[in-house]
Amino acid sequence: MTTALHYYVVHDGVGEPEGLLAEEFLLAGDHSCVGLVGGGWSRSEGRWCDASATSRRLRVDPALRARVTPVSRTGAATLYQELCGAALPHEAVLRTRFGAPAVPPSPPLLLHGREATPGFRETRLYRILFAGALTPGGLTALGEAWQLPVTGDLAGPGVRVLGPVRRRVGRDAFRWELRRIAAGAAWGLDVTCDLTGDRDDPVGVLLHGLTAQVRFQGLIPVTVDRFR
C-alpha cells in the first residue's frame, strides 16, 4: 500500500533514536506543492504534536538533517512499537496533529508556454527540489532502480545532470533527470510529462514514487514546483 506521509527517525545528540517525524506535502490539483505540514513524537514528551515548524527547519538546517533518517511507514511503525509499545496511529489520526500550512495555497508559477510536445495533448514540467548530499552509494542505487548507467565521478565539479530516464505509461510519456544545483548544495529532479488523455493520475503516482526513491537515499524533499 502506498502511503501519503513521509516518515523520519529523529536521533538525539549521541545518535540514539529519540522520536519520529511524520509529514505531508499539500498538493494543488496539478500535483505541485502548496504547503508542508508535519507532526512529531518524542520519548521525552510521549505524545504527538504539531511539528510543521520542525519540518520546515529540516529543509534549511544541515545540523538537523544530520540527525534524521528517512524510513518507510513500516520502519516507523517498528521503531514506534519498540519505543512506546504501541501501534503507530493511522495516517488519518496523525494528520489531526498537524498544524495549518504557513503559506496559503497559490497557483503554480508557469515559466514556459503551454505548447505541448507534438503528438500529445499537454506537456508539463516539474522540479522536485531536494536538500542534502547524495552519496556515491545513493547514486548507484538510483541508477539501478531507474536502469540508468552511472558514468563520471560524483565528486567532479563537471557532473551536473544524471539521466535522462524515459518511461511510457499507456499513451503518456515521462522522462526525468537528476540535476545538481545551487553549486552542489541541492538536487533537482526535473520531470517532463507528455500527456494524451484527460486524466493525469499517472503524474501524481510518478511524482510520489520518484520522491520516495530519492528520499530513501538520504535527500530531503523540499517542494514540488511546476514550471510549464
C-alpha atoms as a PDB file:
ATOM      1  CA  MET A   1       0.000   0.000   0.000  1.00  0.00           C
ATOM      2  CA  THR A   2       1.335   3.443  -0.931  1.00  0.00           C
ATOM      3  CA  THR A   3       1.316   5.914   1.944  1.00  0.00           C
ATOM      4  CA  ALA A   4       0.997   9.651   1.541  1.00  0.00           C
ATOM      5  CA  LEU A   5       3.099  10.667   4.560  1.00  0.00           C
ATOM      6  CA  HIS A   6       6.876  10.826   4.772  1.00  0.00           C
ATOM      7  CA  TYR A   7       8.485   9.431   7.919  1.00  0.00           C
ATOM      8  CA  TYR A   8      11.816  10.186   9.568  1.00  0.00           C
ATOM      9  CA  VAL A   9      13.578   8.817  12.627  1.00  0.00           C
ATOM     10  CA  VAL A  10      14.959  11.667  14.745  1.00  0.00           C
ATOM     11  CA  HIS A  11      18.162  10.889  16.663  1.00  0.00           C
ATOM     12  CA  ASP A  12      19.455  12.576  19.797  1.00  0.00           C
ATOM     13  CA  GLY A  13      22.879  14.135  20.213  1.00  0.00           C
ATOM     14  CA  VAL A  14      24.637  10.766  20.573  1.00  0.00           C
ATOM     15  CA  GLY A  15      22.858   9.063  17.681  1.00  0.00           C
ATOM     16  CA  GLU A  16      20.172   7.153  19.590  1.00  0.00           C
ATOM     17  CA  PRO A  17      16.576   7.162  18.240  1.00  0.00           C
ATOM     18  CA  GLU A  18      14.672   9.829  20.112  1.00  0.00           C
ATOM     19  CA  GLY A  19      11.441  10.167  18.148  1.00  0.00           C
ATOM     20  CA  LEU A  20       9.606  10.255  14.840  1.00  0.00           C
ATOM     21  CA  LEU A  21       8.631  12.954  12.389  1.00  0.00           C
ATOM     22  CA  ALA A  22       5.697  12.406  10.016  1.00  0.00           C
ATOM     23  CA  GLU A  23       4.978  14.998   7.367  1.00  0.00           C
ATOM     24  CA  GLU A  24       2.999  15.637   4.219  1.00  0.00           C
ATOM     25  CA  PHE A  25       3.203  17.919   1.217  1.00  0.00           C
ATOM     26  CA  LEU A  26      -0.093  19.662   0.491  1.00  0.00           C
ATOM     27  CA  LEU A  27      -0.691  19.488  -3.247  1.00  0.00           C
ATOM     28  CA  ALA A  28      -2.664  21.545  -5.724  1.00  0.00           C
ATOM     29  CA  GLY A  29      -4.873  19.902  -8.321  1.00  0.00           C
ATOM     30  CA  ASP A  30      -1.945  19.703 -10.755  1.00  0.00           C
ATOM     31  CA  HIS A  31       0.239  17.881  -8.139  1.00  0.00           C
ATOM     32  CA  SER A  32       2.502  20.864  -7.411  1.00  0.00           C
ATOM     33  CA  CYS A  33       3.273  21.637  -3.775  1.00  0.00           C
ATOM     34  CA  VAL A  34       1.407  24.414  -1.966  1.00  0.00           C
ATOM     35  CA  GLY A  35       2.412  23.685   1.628  1.00  0.00           C
ATOM     36  CA  LEU A  36       4.151  21.407   4.115  1.00  0.00           C
ATOM     37  CA  VAL A  37       2.804  20.184   7.460  1.00  0.00           C
ATOM     38  CA  GLY A  38       4.052  17.655   9.949  1.00  0.00           C
ATOM     39  CA  GLY A  39       3.680  16.053  13.349  1.00  0.00           C
ATOM     40  CA  GLY A  40       6.281  14.727  15.749  1.00  0.00           C
ATOM     41  CA  TRP A  41       6.545  12.253  18.608  1.00  0.00           C
ATOM     42  CA  SER A  42       9.409  12.054  21.093  1.00  0.00           C
ATOM     43  CA  ARG A  43      10.196   9.778  24.005  1.00  0.00           C
ATOM     44  CA  SER A  44      10.596  12.770  26.283  1.00  0.00           C
ATOM     45  CA  GLU A  45       7.063  14.083  25.650  1.00  0.00           C
ATOM     46  CA  GLY A  46       5.361  10.785  24.885  1.00  0.00           C
ATOM     47  CA  ARG A  47       2.721  12.298  22.615  1.00  0.00           C
ATOM     48  CA  TRP A  48       2.173  13.500  19.065  1.00  0.00           C
ATOM     49  CA  CYS A  49       2.099  17.239  18.459  1.00  0.00           C
ATOM     50  CA  ASP A  50       2.350  19.760  15.621  1.00  0.00           C
ATOM     51  CA  ALA A  51       5.880  19.728  14.169  1.00  0.00           C
ATOM     52  CA  SER A  52       5.322  21.747  10.994  1.00  0.00           C
ATOM     53  CA  ALA A  53       7.963  24.264  12.063  1.00  0.00           C
ATOM     54  CA  THR A  54      10.446  21.409  12.534  1.00  0.00           C
ATOM     55  CA  SER A  55       9.621  20.083   9.056  1.00  0.00           C
ATOM     56  CA  ARG A  56      10.326  23.478   7.520  1.00  0.00           C
ATOM     57  CA  ARG A  57      13.550  23.898   9.523  1.00  0.00           C
ATOM     58  CA  LEU A  58      14.713  20.495   8.323  1.00  0.00           C
ATOM     59  CA  ARG A  59      14.981  21.928   4.793  1.00  0.00           C
ATOM     60  CA  VAL A  60      17.397  24.707   5.776  1.00  0.00           C
ATOM     61  CA  ASP A  61      19.314  23.346   8.795  1.00  0.00           C
ATOM     62  CA  PRO A  62      22.123  20.891   7.893  1.00  0.00           C
ATOM     63  CA  ALA A  63      22.695  20.072  11.582  1.00  0.00           C
ATOM     64  CA  LEU A  64      19.094  18.941  11.960  1.00  0.00           C
ATOM     65  CA  ARG A  65      19.236  16.962   8.703  1.00  0.00           C
ATOM     66  CA  ALA A  66      22.245  15.091  10.084  1.00  0.00           C
ATOM     67  CA  ARG A  67      20.052  13.846  12.941  1.00  0.00           C
ATOM     68  CA  VAL A  68      17.231  12.380  10.832  1.00  0.00           C
ATOM     69  CA  THR A  69      16.982   9.204   8.780  1.00  0.00           C
ATOM     70  CA  PRO A  70      14.239   8.674   6.174  1.00  0.00           C
ATOM     71  CA  VAL A  71      12.238   5.494   6.788  1.00  0.00           C
ATOM     72  CA  SER A  72       9.162   3.790   5.382  1.00  0.00           C
ATOM     73  CA  ARG A  73       5.934   3.649   7.357  1.00  0.00           C
ATOM     74  CA  THR A  74       6.813   0.041   8.207  1.00  0.00           C
ATOM     75  CA  GLY A  75      10.159   1.156   9.615  1.00  0.00           C
ATOM     76  CA  ALA A  76       8.498   3.958  11.569  1.00  0.00           C
ATOM     77  CA  ALA A  77       5.919   1.541  12.972  1.00  0.00           C
ATOM     78  CA  THR A  78       8.604  -0.880  14.115  1.00  0.00           C
ATOM     79  CA  LEU A  79      10.542   1.828  15.934  1.00  0.00           C
ATOM     80  CA  TYR A  80       7.374   3.287  17.465  1.00  0.00           C
ATOM     81  CA  GLN A  81       6.451  -0.135  18.811  1.00  0.00           C
ATOM     82  CA  GLU A  82       9.930  -0.526  20.310  1.00  0.00           C
ATOM     83  CA  LEU A  83       9.968   2.913  21.915  1.00  0.00           C
ATOM     84  CA  CYS A  84       6.480   3.088  23.398  1.00  0.00           C
ATOM     85  CA  GLY A  85       4.946  -0.375  22.994  1.00  0.00           C
ATOM     86  CA  ALA A  86       2.017   0.780  20.867  1.00  0.00           C
ATOM     87  CA  ALA A  87       0.928   0.606  17.246  1.00  0.00           C
ATOM     88  CA  LEU A  88       1.727   3.589  15.062  1.00  0.00           C
ATOM     89  CA  PRO A  89      -1.504   5.604  14.609  1.00  0.00           C
ATOM     90  CA  HIS A  90      -3.210   5.525  11.216  1.00  0.00           C
ATOM     91  CA  GLU A  91      -2.295   8.373   8.887  1.00  0.00           C
ATOM     92  CA  ALA A  92      -5.743   9.950   9.243  1.00  0.00           C
ATOM     93  CA  VAL A  93      -5.132  10.167  13.002  1.00  0.00           C
ATOM     94  CA  LEU A  94      -1.627  11.573  12.572  1.00  0.00           C
ATOM     95  CA  ARG A  95      -2.977  14.328  10.325  1.00  0.00           C
ATOM     96  CA  THR A  96      -5.123  15.601  13.200  1.00  0.00           C
ATOM     97  CA  ARG A  97      -1.859  16.524  14.955  1.00  0.00           C
ATOM     98  CA  PHE A  98      -0.565  18.562  12.015  1.00  0.00           C
ATOM     99  CA  GLY A  99      -0.853  22.321  12.071  1.00  0.00           C
ATOM    100  CA  ALA A 100      -2.061  24.601   9.293  1.00  0.00           C
ATOM    101  CA  PRO A 101       0.375  25.373   6.443  1.00  0.00           C
ATOM    102  CA  ALA A 102       2.419  28.530   6.913  1.00  0.00           C
ATOM    103  CA  VAL A 103       1.609  29.904   3.452  1.00  0.00           C
ATOM    104  CA  PRO A 104      -1.839  29.762   1.815  1.00  0.00           C
ATOM    105  CA  PRO A 105      -2.091  27.793  -1.447  1.00  0.00           C
ATOM    106  CA  SER A 106      -1.170  29.726  -4.588  1.00  0.00           C
ATOM    107  CA  PRO A 107      -1.362  28.873  -8.282  1.00  0.00           C
ATOM    108  CA  PRO A 108       1.772  27.401  -9.889  1.00  0.00           C
ATOM    109  CA  LEU A 109       4.296  29.756 -11.461  1.00  0.00           C
ATOM    110  CA  LEU A 110       4.422  28.688 -15.092  1.00  0.00           C
ATOM    111  CA  LEU A 111       7.645  29.981 -16.643  1.00  0.00           C
ATOM    112  CA  HIS A 112       7.185  28.452 -20.087  1.00  0.00           C
ATOM    113  CA  GLY A 113       4.434  28.419 -22.660  1.00  0.00           C
ATOM    114  CA  ARG A 114       1.733  25.781 -22.662  1.00  0.00           C
ATOM    115  CA  GLU A 115       2.687  24.367 -26.064  1.00  0.00           C
ATOM    116  CA  ALA A 116       2.585  20.567 -25.947  1.00  0.00           C
ATOM    117  CA  THR A 117       5.116  18.195 -27.420  1.00  0.00           C
ATOM    118  CA  PRO A 118       3.868  17.217 -30.915  1.00  0.00           C
ATOM    119  CA  GLY A 119       1.540  14.234 -30.683  1.00  0.00           C
ATOM    120  CA  PHE A 120       0.408  14.975 -27.107  1.00  0.00           C
ATOM    121  CA  ARG A 121      -2.451  16.960 -25.628  1.00  0.00           C
ATOM    122  CA  GLU A 122      -0.427  18.588 -22.841  1.00  0.00           C
ATOM    123  CA  THR A 123       3.180  18.825 -21.665  1.00  0.00           C
ATOM    124  CA  ARG A 124       4.102  19.623 -18.059  1.00  0.00           C
ATOM    125  CA  LEU A 125       7.478  20.255 -16.446  1.00  0.00           C
ATOM    126  CA  TYR A 126       8.019  19.746 -12.714  1.00  0.00           C
ATOM    127  CA  ARG A 127      11.038  20.091 -10.467  1.00  0.00           C
ATOM    128  CA  ILE A 128      11.199  18.146  -7.207  1.00  0.00           C
ATOM    129  CA  LEU A 129      13.784  20.005  -5.118  1.00  0.00           C
ATOM    130  CA  PHE A 130      15.863  18.090  -2.566  1.00  0.00           C
ATOM    131  CA  ALA A 131      18.232  19.301   0.158  1.00  0.00           C
ATOM    132  CA  GLY A 132      21.265  17.357   1.302  1.00  0.00           C
ATOM    133  CA  ALA A 133      24.163  15.426  -0.180  1.00  0.00           C
ATOM    134  CA  LEU A 134      23.800  12.384  -2.423  1.00  0.00           C
ATOM    135  CA  THR A 135      26.383   9.706  -1.637  1.00  0.00           C
ATOM    136  CA  PRO A 136      28.029   7.551  -4.313  1.00  0.00           C
ATOM    137  CA  GLY A 137      26.079   4.600  -2.896  1.00  0.00           C
ATOM    138  CA  GLY A 138      22.833   6.528  -3.203  1.00  0.00           C
ATOM    139  CA  LEU A 139      23.647   7.437  -6.776  1.00  0.00           C
ATOM    140  CA  THR A 140      24.345   3.795  -7.591  1.00  0.00           C
ATOM    141  CA  ALA A 141      21.048   2.725  -6.002  1.00  0.00           C
ATOM    142  CA  LEU A 142      19.089   5.231  -8.080  1.00  0.00           C
ATOM    143  CA  GLY A 143      20.916   4.153 -11.222  1.00  0.00           C
ATOM    144  CA  GLU A 144      19.919   0.556 -10.563  1.00  0.00           C
ATOM    145  CA  ALA A 145      16.303   1.456  -9.761  1.00  0.00           C
ATOM    146  CA  TRP A 146      15.963   3.564 -12.900  1.00  0.00           C
ATOM    147  CA  GLN A 147      18.091   1.265 -15.085  1.00  0.00           C
ATOM    148  CA  LEU A 148      20.404   4.211 -15.681  1.00  0.00           C
ATOM    149  CA  PRO A 149      24.121   3.639 -16.309  1.00  0.00           C
ATOM    150  CA  VAL A 150      26.026   5.852 -13.878  1.00  0.00           C
ATOM    151  CA  THR A 151      29.062   7.472 -15.503  1.00  0.00           C
ATOM    152  CA  GLY A 152      31.534  10.033 -14.248  1.00  0.00           C
ATOM    153  CA  ASP A 153      32.699  10.914 -10.754  1.00  0.00           C
ATOM    154  CA  LEU A 154      30.028  12.333  -8.454  1.00  0.00           C
ATOM    155  CA  ALA A 155      32.721  14.429  -6.748  1.00  0.00           C
ATOM    156  CA  GLY A 156      33.753  16.024 -10.025  1.00  0.00           C
ATOM    157  CA  PRO A 157      32.615  19.634 -10.453  1.00  0.00           C
ATOM    158  CA  GLY A 158      31.540  18.897 -14.024  1.00  0.00           C
ATOM    159  CA  VAL A 159      28.940  16.278 -13.027  1.00  0.00           C
ATOM    160  CA  ARG A 160      25.655  18.162 -13.094  1.00  0.00           C
ATOM    161  CA  VAL A 161      22.999  16.047 -14.812  1.00  0.00           C
ATOM    162  CA  LEU A 162      22.201  12.362 -14.386  1.00  0.00           C
ATOM    163  CA  GLY A 163      19.783  10.934 -16.928  1.00  0.00           C
ATOM    164  CA  PRO A 164      17.540  11.243 -18.742  1.00  0.00           C
ATOM    165  CA  VAL A 165      15.319   8.297 -17.845  1.00  0.00           C
ATOM    166  CA  ARG A 166      12.355   7.599 -20.135  1.00  0.00           C
ATOM    167  CA  ARG A 167       9.164   5.673 -19.373  1.00  0.00           C
ATOM    168  CA  ARG A 168       5.814   5.076 -21.098  1.00  0.00           C
ATOM    169  CA  VAL A 169       2.566   4.598 -19.200  1.00  0.00           C
ATOM    170  CA  GLY A 170      -0.094   3.728 -21.726  1.00  0.00           C
ATOM    171  CA  ARG A 171      -0.019   6.523 -24.310  1.00  0.00           C
ATOM    172  CA  ASP A 172       1.615   9.002 -21.913  1.00  0.00           C
ATOM    173  CA  ALA A 173       5.377   9.577 -21.918  1.00  0.00           C
ATOM    174  CA  PHE A 174       7.583  10.622 -19.000  1.00  0.00           C
ATOM    175  CA  ARG A 175      11.240  11.499 -18.683  1.00  0.00           C
ATOM    176  CA  TRP A 176      13.314  12.768 -15.792  1.00  0.00           C
ATOM    177  CA  GLU A 177      16.809  13.994 -14.972  1.00  0.00           C
ATOM    178  CA  LEU A 178      18.511  14.301 -11.604  1.00  0.00           C
ATOM    179  CA  ARG A 179      20.361  17.603 -11.613  1.00  0.00           C
ATOM    180  CA  ARG A 180      22.853  19.015  -9.116  1.00  0.00           C
ATOM    181  CA  ILE A 181      22.037  22.681  -8.498  1.00  0.00           C
ATOM    182  CA  ALA A 182      23.000  25.612  -6.260  1.00  0.00           C
ATOM    183  CA  ALA A 183      26.730  24.823  -6.505  1.00  0.00           C
ATOM    184  CA  GLY A 184      26.082  21.297  -5.290  1.00  0.00           C
ATOM    185  CA  ALA A 185      24.089  22.346  -2.217  1.00  0.00           C
ATOM    186  CA  ALA A 186      20.859  20.828  -3.536  1.00  0.00           C
ATOM    187  CA  TRP A 187      19.481  18.437  -6.143  1.00  0.00           C
ATOM    188  CA  GLY A 188      16.568  18.863  -8.508  1.00  0.00           C
ATOM    189  CA  LEU A 189      14.668  16.050 -10.180  1.00  0.00           C
ATOM    190  CA  ASP A 190      13.250  17.559 -13.385  1.00  0.00           C
ATOM    191  CA  VAL A 191      10.247  15.574 -14.626  1.00  0.00           C
ATOM    192  CA  THR A 192       8.624  16.144 -18.033  1.00  0.00           C
ATOM    193  CA  CYS A 193       5.143  14.679 -18.539  1.00  0.00           C
ATOM    194  CA  ASP A 194       3.690  14.345 -22.051  1.00  0.00           C
ATOM    195  CA  LEU A 195       0.000  13.543 -21.655  1.00  0.00           C
ATOM    196  CA  THR A 196      -2.560  12.367 -24.188  1.00  0.00           C
ATOM    197  CA  GLY A 197      -5.811  11.790 -22.272  1.00  0.00           C
ATOM    198  CA  ASP A 198      -7.837  13.929 -19.890  1.00  0.00           C
ATOM    199  CA  ARG A 199      -6.747  12.064 -16.739  1.00  0.00           C
ATOM    200  CA  ASP A 200      -3.441  12.936 -15.088  1.00  0.00           C
ATOM    201  CA  ASP A 201      -3.461  10.327 -12.293  1.00  0.00           C
ATOM    202  CA  PRO A 202      -0.152   8.828 -13.517  1.00  0.00           C
ATOM    203  CA  VAL A 203       1.526  12.203 -12.925  1.00  0.00           C
ATOM    204  CA  GLY A 204       0.777  12.150  -9.211  1.00  0.00           C
ATOM    205  CA  VAL A 205       1.741   8.499  -8.875  1.00  0.00           C
ATOM    206  CA  LEU A 206       5.048   9.071 -10.670  1.00  0.00           C
ATOM    207  CA  LEU A 207       5.989  12.205  -8.700  1.00  0.00           C
ATOM    208  CA  HIS A 208       5.203  10.489  -5.409  1.00  0.00           C
ATOM    209  CA  GLY A 209       7.163   7.377  -6.348  1.00  0.00           C
ATOM    210  CA  LEU A 210      10.211   9.293  -7.568  1.00  0.00           C
ATOM    211  CA  THR A 211      10.215  11.427  -4.430  1.00  0.00           C
ATOM    212  CA  ALA A 212      10.196   8.298  -2.273  1.00  0.00           C
ATOM    213  CA  GLN A 213      13.061   6.693  -4.203  1.00  0.00           C
ATOM    214  CA  VAL A 214      15.303   9.743  -3.850  1.00  0.00           C
ATOM    215  CA  ARG A 215      14.267  10.353  -0.221  1.00  0.00           C
ATOM    216  CA  PHE A 216      15.339   6.846   0.771  1.00  0.00           C
ATOM    217  CA  GLN A 217      18.851   7.716  -0.448  1.00  0.00           C
ATOM    218  CA  GLY A 218      19.127  10.401   2.229  1.00  0.00           C
ATOM    219  CA  LEU A 219      17.964  13.534   0.415  1.00  0.00           C
ATOM    220  CA  ILE A 220      15.149  15.610   1.927  1.00  0.00           C
ATOM    221  CA  PRO A 221      12.360  16.726  -0.447  1.00  0.00           C
ATOM    222  CA  VAL A 222      11.778  20.470  -0.188  1.00  0.00           C
ATOM    223  CA  THR A 223       8.986  21.211  -2.678  1.00  0.00           C
ATOM    224  CA  VAL A 224       7.422  20.207  -5.984  1.00  0.00           C
ATOM    225  CA  ASP A 225       7.259  23.134  -8.416  1.00  0.00           C
ATOM    226  CA  ARG A 226       5.595  23.220 -11.798  1.00  0.00           C
ATOM    227  CA  PHE A 227       7.166  25.401 -14.491  1.00  0.00           C
ATOM    228  CA  ARG A 228       5.058  24.527 -17.522  1.00  0.00           C
END
